[in-house]
Protein backbone atom coordinates (compact mmCIF):
# COMPACT_ATOMS: atom_id res chain seq x y z
CA MET A 1 -1.37 -14.65 -9.38
CA VAL A 2 1.76 -13.55 -7.86
CA THR A 3 3.78 -13.98 -11.13
CA LEU A 4 1.66 -11.09 -12.63
CA SER A 5 1.19 -8.99 -9.24
CA MET A 6 4.74 -9.13 -8.37
CA GLY A 7 6.33 -9.06 -11.55
CA VAL A 8 4.52 -5.75 -12.87
CA ARG A 9 5.58 -3.92 -9.46
CA HIS A 10 9.07 -4.96 -9.62
CA GLY A 11 9.51 -3.30 -13.02
CA PHE A 12 8.34 0.25 -11.76
CA GLY A 13 11.86 1.22 -11.24
CA LEU A 14 12.24 1.49 -14.93
CA PHE A 15 9.55 4.04 -15.53
CA ASN A 16 11.46 6.40 -13.12
CA LEU A 17 13.53 8.37 -15.60
CA PRO A 18 11.20 8.33 -18.64
CA ILE A 19 8.32 9.41 -16.38
CA THR A 20 10.04 11.98 -14.47
CA ALA A 21 11.78 13.46 -17.68
CA ALA A 22 8.39 13.71 -19.75
CA ASN A 23 6.72 15.24 -16.98
CA GLY A 24 9.56 17.70 -15.73
CA TRP A 25 9.37 15.96 -12.22
CA GLY A 26 12.03 15.56 -9.63
CA ARG A 27 12.81 12.08 -8.83
CA GLU A 28 11.36 12.56 -5.33
CA SER A 29 7.78 12.84 -6.60
CA PHE A 30 8.12 9.24 -8.40
CA ALA A 31 9.75 8.00 -5.07
CA LEU A 32 6.98 9.43 -2.98
CA THR A 33 4.34 7.60 -5.25
CA ILE A 34 6.17 4.24 -5.12
CA ALA A 35 6.77 4.86 -1.29
CA LEU A 36 3.20 5.64 -0.57
CA GLN A 37 2.22 2.54 -2.82
CA ASN A 38 4.55 0.30 -0.53
CA LEU A 39 2.89 2.04 2.84
CA ILE A 40 -0.63 1.47 1.82
CA TRP A 41 0.18 -2.05 0.79
CA GLY A 42 1.45 -2.72 4.21
CA ALA A 43 -0.99 -0.65 6.42
CA VAL A 44 -4.08 -2.04 4.73
CA GLN A 45 -2.65 -5.60 4.34
CA PRO A 46 -3.63 -6.90 7.98
CA ILE A 47 -7.39 -5.77 7.08
CA THR A 48 -7.43 -7.32 3.53
CA GLY A 49 -5.85 -10.54 5.16
CA ALA A 50 -8.55 -10.49 7.69
CA LEU A 51 -11.29 -10.30 5.58
CA ALA A 52 -9.64 -13.08 3.38
CA ASP A 53 -9.62 -15.20 6.64
CA ARG A 54 -12.96 -14.44 7.54
CA TYR A 55 -15.08 -14.72 4.20
CA GLY A 56 -12.63 -16.33 1.65
CA ALA A 57 -9.96 -15.11 -0.63
CA LEU A 58 -12.13 -15.03 -3.94
CA LYS A 59 -13.60 -11.74 -3.64
CA ILE A 60 -10.72 -10.04 -1.90
CA MET A 61 -8.65 -11.37 -5.07
CA LEU A 62 -11.17 -10.20 -7.62
CA THR A 63 -11.24 -6.66 -6.15
CA GLY A 64 -7.47 -6.63 -6.21
CA ALA A 65 -7.32 -7.36 -9.85
CA VAL A 66 -9.79 -4.77 -10.81
CA LEU A 67 -7.83 -2.07 -8.68
CA TYR A 68 -4.57 -3.30 -10.19
CA ILE A 69 -5.99 -2.65 -13.77
CA LEU A 70 -7.45 0.64 -12.88
CA GLY A 71 -4.19 1.92 -11.22
CA LEU A 72 -2.08 0.93 -14.24
CA ILE A 73 -4.44 2.97 -16.60
CA GLY A 74 -4.36 5.98 -14.00
CA MET A 75 -0.43 5.82 -13.89
CA ALA A 76 -0.39 5.86 -17.86
CA LEU A 77 -2.81 8.88 -18.31
CA SER A 78 -1.85 11.13 -15.33
CA THR A 79 -0.48 14.49 -16.18
CA ASP A 80 0.21 15.73 -12.48
CA VAL A 81 1.72 14.29 -9.42
CA LEU A 82 -1.47 14.08 -7.60
CA SER A 83 -3.55 11.85 -9.72
CA PHE A 84 -0.29 9.77 -10.78
CA THR A 85 0.28 9.29 -6.90
CA ILE A 86 -3.33 8.33 -6.29
CA ALA A 87 -3.34 5.84 -9.14
CA GLY A 88 0.25 4.40 -8.62
CA GLY A 89 0.21 4.72 -4.73
CA LEU A 90 -3.39 4.27 -3.50
CA PHE A 91 -4.95 2.06 -6.19
CA ILE A 92 -2.05 -0.16 -6.75
CA GLY A 93 -1.00 -0.19 -3.11
CA LEU A 94 -4.78 -1.72 -2.30
CA ALA A 95 -4.53 -3.97 -5.23
CA GLN A 96 -1.09 -5.59 -3.85
CA THR A 97 -2.54 -6.25 -0.52
CA ALA A 98 -5.21 -8.54 -2.21
CA THR A 99 -3.10 -10.25 -4.97
CA THR A 100 0.39 -11.09 -3.25
CA TYR A 101 1.69 -13.34 -0.46
CA SER A 102 -0.33 -12.63 2.56
CA VAL A 103 -3.74 -13.80 0.92
CA ILE A 104 -2.00 -16.28 -1.07
CA TYR A 105 0.07 -17.84 1.82
CA GLY A 106 -3.46 -18.10 3.81
CA ILE A 107 -4.53 -20.37 1.09
CA LEU A 108 -1.60 -22.52 1.31
CA GLY A 109 -1.59 -22.49 4.88
CA ARG A 110 -5.09 -23.85 4.79
CA ASN A 111 -4.66 -26.22 2.20
CA VAL A 112 -1.12 -27.67 2.58
CA SER A 113 -0.03 -30.03 5.18
CA PRO A 114 2.41 -28.71 7.86
CA GLU A 115 5.38 -30.90 6.67
CA LYS A 116 5.31 -29.10 3.21
CA ARG A 117 3.92 -25.70 4.26
CA VAL A 118 7.48 -23.93 4.01
CA TRP A 119 8.18 -25.84 0.59
CA SER A 120 4.90 -24.67 -0.88
CA MET A 121 5.29 -21.05 0.45
CA GLY A 122 8.87 -21.14 -1.19
CA ILE A 123 7.40 -22.18 -4.49
CA ALA A 124 4.98 -19.17 -4.32
CA ALA A 125 7.82 -16.83 -3.71
CA ALA A 126 9.54 -18.29 -6.30
CA ALA A 127 6.46 -17.58 -8.58
CA GLY A 128 6.87 -13.87 -7.67
CA SER A 129 10.74 -13.97 -8.50
CA PHE A 130 9.58 -15.78 -11.95
CA GLY A 131 7.44 -12.66 -12.40
CA GLN A 132 10.26 -10.19 -11.67
CA PHE A 133 12.57 -12.24 -14.18
CA LEU A 134 9.83 -12.34 -16.92
CA MET A 135 8.42 -8.97 -16.68
CA ILE A 136 11.47 -6.74 -16.43
CA PRO A 137 12.79 -7.15 -19.66
CA LEU A 138 9.39 -7.34 -20.98
CA GLU A 139 8.59 -3.86 -19.39
CA GLN A 140 11.81 -2.19 -20.72
CA GLY A 141 11.02 -3.63 -24.04
CA LEU A 142 7.49 -2.05 -23.86
CA ILE A 143 9.15 1.23 -22.76
CA SER A 144 11.72 1.31 -25.53
CA GLY A 145 9.17 0.25 -28.30
CA PHE A 146 5.82 2.14 -27.34
CA GLY A 147 6.64 4.61 -24.61
CA ALA A 148 6.00 4.66 -20.90
CA GLN A 149 2.48 5.69 -21.45
CA ASP A 150 1.64 2.83 -23.75
CA ALA A 151 3.59 0.42 -21.85
CA LEU A 152 1.49 0.82 -18.65
CA LEU A 153 -1.59 0.39 -20.74
CA ILE A 154 -0.27 -3.01 -22.07
CA LEU A 155 0.60 -3.87 -18.79
CA ALA A 156 -3.03 -2.96 -17.57
CA LEU A 157 -4.54 -5.32 -20.21
CA MET A 158 -2.05 -8.43 -19.09
CA THR A 159 -3.01 -7.74 -15.41
CA SER A 160 -6.62 -8.72 -16.40
CA LEU A 161 -5.56 -12.17 -16.43
CA MET A 162 -5.59 -12.20 -12.58
CA ILE A 163 -9.48 -12.19 -12.90
CA PRO A 164 -9.53 -16.02 -14.19
CA THR A 165 -6.77 -16.77 -12.01
CA ALA A 166 -8.63 -15.91 -8.82
CA PHE A 167 -11.42 -18.33 -9.72
CA MET A 168 -8.89 -20.94 -10.03
CA LEU A 169 -7.88 -20.39 -6.40
CA ARG A 170 -11.37 -20.76 -4.84
CA GLU A 171 -11.17 -22.91 -1.75
CA LYS A 172 -13.83 -25.63 -1.94
CA ASN A 173 -13.25 -26.55 1.86
CA PHE A 174 -13.07 -23.01 3.25
CA LEU A 175 -16.10 -23.15 5.76
CA GLN A 176 -14.77 -25.95 7.14
CA THR A 177 -11.36 -24.46 7.86
CA HIS A 178 -12.77 -21.22 9.04
CA GLN A 179 -14.59 -23.19 11.92
CA LEU A 180 -11.46 -24.23 13.62
CA GLY A 181 -11.05 -22.38 16.84
CA ASP A 182 -12.73 -19.55 18.53
CA GLN A 183 -10.16 -16.79 18.65
CA THR A 184 -11.12 -13.52 16.97
CA ALA A 185 -8.80 -11.52 14.72
CA LEU A 186 -8.44 -8.89 17.29
CA GLU A 187 -7.55 -11.48 19.94
CA ALA A 188 -5.13 -12.93 17.63
CA ALA A 189 -3.43 -9.75 16.74
CA LYS A 190 -3.17 -8.63 20.54
CA GLU A 191 -1.55 -12.13 21.28
CA ALA A 192 0.72 -11.73 18.40
CA TRP A 193 2.03 -8.24 19.34
CA THR A 194 2.77 -9.30 22.80
CA ASN A 195 5.06 -12.02 21.73
CA THR A 196 8.73 -10.83 21.56
CA SER A 197 9.50 -13.24 18.89
CA PHE A 198 6.96 -11.48 16.67
CA ARG A 199 8.06 -8.26 17.37
CA LEU A 200 11.67 -9.36 16.76
CA LEU A 201 10.53 -10.91 13.30
CA ASN A 202 8.95 -7.48 12.58
CA LEU A 203 12.02 -5.67 12.95
CA GLY A 204 14.07 -7.88 10.70
CA TYR A 205 11.27 -7.72 8.16
CA PHE A 206 11.57 -3.83 8.03
CA VAL A 207 15.17 -4.14 7.14
CA CYS A 208 14.11 -6.60 4.12
CA GLY A 209 11.75 -4.09 2.82
CA PHE A 210 14.22 -1.07 3.15
CA GLN A 211 16.84 -2.72 1.15
CA VAL A 212 15.05 -4.42 -1.89
CA VAL A 213 12.73 -1.51 -2.58
CA PHE A 214 15.70 0.91 -2.39
CA ILE A 215 17.41 -1.22 -4.98
CA ALA A 216 14.42 -1.85 -7.36
CA VAL A 217 13.65 1.60 -7.50
CA HIS A 218 16.96 3.24 -7.50
CA LEU A 219 19.58 0.98 -9.00
CA ALA A 220 18.89 2.17 -12.49
CA PRO A 221 19.25 5.80 -11.71
CA TYR A 222 22.29 5.06 -9.41
CA LEU A 223 23.98 3.42 -12.45
CA LYS A 224 23.12 6.29 -14.75
CA ASP A 225 24.78 8.91 -12.29
CA LEU A 226 27.91 6.91 -12.21
CA SER A 227 28.21 6.47 -16.00
CA SER A 228 30.33 9.53 -16.49
CA THR A 229 32.86 7.75 -14.37
CA TYR A 230 32.35 4.15 -15.40
CA PRO A 231 30.82 4.74 -19.40
CA ALA A 232 30.44 0.75 -19.38
CA VAL A 233 27.23 1.01 -17.40
CA ALA A 234 25.68 3.97 -19.13
CA SER A 235 23.42 1.33 -21.50
CA PRO A 236 19.88 1.06 -19.94
CA THR A 237 20.55 -2.74 -20.90
CA VAL A 238 22.90 -3.02 -17.92
CA ALA A 239 20.33 -1.85 -15.18
CA THR A 240 17.35 -3.84 -16.98
CA THR A 241 19.71 -7.21 -17.11
CA ALA A 242 20.79 -6.47 -13.33
CA LEU A 243 17.02 -6.31 -12.31
CA ALA A 244 16.11 -9.52 -14.36
CA LEU A 245 19.21 -11.28 -12.80
CA ILE A 246 17.72 -10.45 -9.27
CA GLY A 247 14.38 -11.94 -10.57
CA LEU A 248 16.41 -15.06 -11.90
CA PHE A 249 18.25 -16.01 -9.03
CA ASN A 250 15.47 -15.11 -6.87
CA ILE A 251 13.74 -18.12 -8.10
CA PHE A 252 16.57 -20.38 -6.83
CA GLY A 253 16.86 -18.29 -3.68
CA THR A 254 13.08 -18.48 -2.49
CA TYR A 255 12.60 -22.22 -3.52
CA SER A 256 16.00 -23.16 -1.64
CA ALA A 257 14.58 -21.06 1.48
CA GLY A 258 11.54 -23.22 1.16
CA ILE A 259 13.81 -26.56 1.17
CA PHE A 260 16.10 -25.40 3.79
CA GLY A 261 13.46 -24.03 6.19
CA GLN A 262 12.15 -27.64 6.48
CA HIS A 263 15.30 -28.82 7.74
CA PHE A 264 17.04 -26.07 9.55
CA PRO A 265 16.03 -23.28 12.03
CA LYS A 266 14.43 -20.68 10.31
CA ARG A 267 15.56 -17.81 12.51
CA LEU A 268 19.37 -18.84 11.62
CA LEU A 269 18.62 -18.75 8.01
CA LEU A 270 17.13 -15.37 8.08
CA SER A 271 20.29 -13.97 10.08
CA GLY A 272 22.26 -15.53 7.60
CA ILE A 273 20.41 -13.78 4.68
CA TYR A 274 20.33 -10.22 6.20
CA LEU A 275 24.54 -10.35 6.89
CA SER A 276 24.94 -11.75 3.42
CA ARG A 277 23.18 -8.73 2.19
CA SER A 278 25.11 -6.50 3.72
CA ILE A 279 28.42 -8.03 2.61
CA ALA A 280 27.19 -7.95 -0.97
CA ILE A 281 25.93 -4.21 -0.76
CA ALA A 282 29.45 -3.22 0.79
CA ALA A 283 31.33 -4.95 -2.15
CA PHE A 284 29.17 -3.60 -4.68
CA ILE A 285 29.54 0.12 -3.76
CA TRP A 286 33.26 0.14 -2.67
CA LEU A 287 34.47 -1.87 -5.46
CA PRO A 288 35.02 -0.49 -8.87
CA LEU A 289 31.99 -0.49 -10.77
CA SER A 290 31.43 -2.44 -14.09
CA PRO A 291 28.59 -4.19 -15.98
CA MET A 292 30.35 -7.54 -14.56
CA SER A 293 30.45 -6.33 -10.88
CA THR A 294 26.79 -5.13 -11.49
CA TYR A 295 25.49 -8.55 -12.72
CA VAL A 296 27.33 -10.40 -9.90
CA PHE A 297 25.99 -8.08 -7.22
CA ALA A 298 22.42 -8.79 -8.78
CA ALA A 299 22.80 -12.54 -8.64
CA LEU A 300 23.75 -12.64 -5.14
CA MET A 301 21.10 -10.05 -4.14
CA GLY A 302 18.79 -12.13 -6.18
CA PHE A 303 19.28 -15.17 -4.34
CA LEU A 304 18.74 -13.41 -1.04
CA TRP A 305 15.94 -11.16 -2.53
CA LEU A 306 12.51 -12.72 -1.36
CA SER A 307 14.00 -15.60 0.63
CA THR A 308 13.17 -14.10 3.53
CA ILE A 309 9.35 -14.30 2.74
CA PRO A 310 8.51 -18.14 3.18
CA LEU A 311 10.81 -18.18 6.24
CA THR A 312 9.08 -15.34 7.95
CA ASN A 313 5.47 -16.43 7.09
CA ALA A 314 6.29 -20.28 8.11
CA ILE A 315 7.70 -18.81 11.44
CA VAL A 316 4.37 -16.71 11.87
CA ALA A 317 2.37 -20.12 11.00
CA GLN A 318 4.60 -22.23 13.30
CA ILE A 319 3.99 -19.98 16.23
CA PHE A 320 0.60 -18.85 15.91
CA GLY A 321 -0.98 -21.54 13.47
CA VAL A 322 -3.11 -20.89 10.57
CA ARG A 323 -6.56 -19.80 11.47
CA HIS A 324 -5.56 -16.00 11.03
CA LEU A 325 -2.36 -16.50 8.97
CA SER A 326 -3.52 -14.08 6.11
CA MET A 327 -4.21 -11.22 8.87
CA LEU A 328 -0.96 -12.14 11.07
CA SER A 329 1.09 -12.30 7.85
CA GLY A 330 -0.37 -8.81 6.91
CA LEU A 331 0.87 -7.61 10.33
CA VAL A 332 4.24 -8.49 9.80
CA PHE A 333 4.45 -7.47 6.29
CA PHE A 334 3.38 -4.07 7.55
CA SER A 335 6.60 -3.42 9.11
CA HIS A 336 8.18 -4.89 5.73
CA GLN A 337 6.34 -2.03 3.94
CA LEU A 338 7.37 0.78 6.30
CA GLY A 339 10.93 -0.23 5.39
CA SER A 340 9.89 -0.27 1.74
CA PHE A 341 8.51 3.34 2.20
CA CYS A 342 11.84 4.53 3.74
CA GLY A 343 14.04 2.69 1.07
CA ALA A 344 12.00 4.22 -1.71
CA PHE A 345 11.43 7.73 -0.31
CA PHE A 346 14.51 8.25 1.28
CA GLY A 347 16.50 7.06 -1.69
CA GLY A 348 14.82 9.87 -3.57
CA TYR A 349 14.87 12.35 -0.73
CA LEU A 350 18.66 11.98 0.20
CA TYR A 351 19.90 11.92 -3.52
CA ASP A 352 17.90 15.28 -4.05
CA ARG A 353 19.62 16.69 -0.98
CA THR A 354 22.80 15.27 -1.38
CA GLY A 355 23.17 14.55 -5.16
CA SER A 356 24.48 11.00 -4.36
CA TYR A 357 23.10 7.60 -3.16
CA LEU A 358 26.07 6.71 -0.91
CA LEU A 359 24.44 7.59 2.17
CA VAL A 360 21.38 5.37 1.56
CA TRP A 361 23.67 2.48 0.37
CA GLU A 362 25.44 2.85 3.93
CA ILE A 363 22.27 2.79 5.67
CA ALA A 364 21.26 -0.31 4.06
CA ILE A 365 24.51 -2.00 5.00
CA ALA A 366 24.07 -0.89 8.76
CA LEU A 367 20.27 -2.24 8.94
CA GLY A 368 21.31 -5.49 7.55
CA VAL A 369 23.70 -6.08 10.49
CA VAL A 370 20.91 -4.87 12.92
CA ALA A 371 18.59 -7.56 11.28
CA PHE A 372 21.28 -10.25 11.45
CA MET A 373 21.47 -9.97 15.24
CA VAL A 374 17.69 -9.25 15.99
CA ASN A 375 16.72 -12.70 14.41
CA LEU A 376 18.96 -14.88 16.29
CA PRO A 377 16.83 -14.82 19.54
CA ILE A 378 13.56 -15.77 17.89
CA LYS A 379 11.92 -18.69 19.38
CA GLU A 380 10.08 -20.95 16.70
CA ARG A 381 7.82 -22.69 19.19
CA ALA A 382 4.08 -22.72 18.99
CA ILE A 383 2.16 -20.73 21.68
CA ARG A 384 -0.83 -22.08 23.72
CA HIS A 385 -3.98 -21.32 22.10
CA ALA A 386 -2.85 -21.12 18.79
CA VAL A 387 -4.73 -23.33 16.50
CA THR A 388 -2.60 -25.46 14.28
CA ILE A 389 -3.22 -27.88 11.84
């Protein structure tokens, strides 16, 4: 489920130039669609998570799969910005709330023992990373061979595989797990928002969203813009290979995060990830650009890419328990998606205003330093009244 859902979405940046060129749109229009997709994903995720916690994940995942298919078809057939934004922003944004980490982590939290929980979350995150590694070269090949419109229709057909996958994830013991505790979803949400560590976790996760979505959406155009100064990066293969390398090394990074998170303080691991991102970005934009420097940057960022996800969600489970894990995971993910909206939209907005991505890169560096600092004081202790199993 996660491989398909995350894999397809990570390739949307490859559609930026062909779709805007074919329709005569500015990059801001495409960026706004992806930004809204991420914003809707984050805003609705707590609601979707609460429904999955209350009624089980099966119906939620089936609905998400259908919306994903309709969204891709709508993107392919749209000839105006509004319909494209509804399909790619609204439909796929809603679909991702039901088919990605928050709902899946709720299933894992209820069915995996605490001593293996971070490890299992790392495996799920690695599955999403494998999707990126698998789907990005495939999507570039589809665009090159069939054009952007037919490529999206083929992806819609592929995502239909999420429907049988949902049935394979049905929880046999969900009703027994659901009976644990008498705390309502609203009470759990209020308890979380009054917790300082939860608020700090949200702030760091905002930075994660800003950085990864900006890079995913705008790396390919960034390389093309600099091809006149550095001709070696002019080939679309460089951007495609870089995004695929992010997915490949992300597999190792997320799995490693799951392993290390079982043995070391997760807040310190998160701080190290954010600081390392800032260092990698600074080196990438301030050193001479080449295919090799791009690939090294992609590999480093890939190792750090989604490694925040199992660590962040494991902290949530450790502090608050698993009874409302999908909903609480959705709440912290909303902050991530606010950052994603800013990274996607302001990447296009500031480019259209300044003719350069440099300012956005520098913002990403500064935010990484902030995230490094705010994760340090997080307390990973279970609070009273939280249901833990």
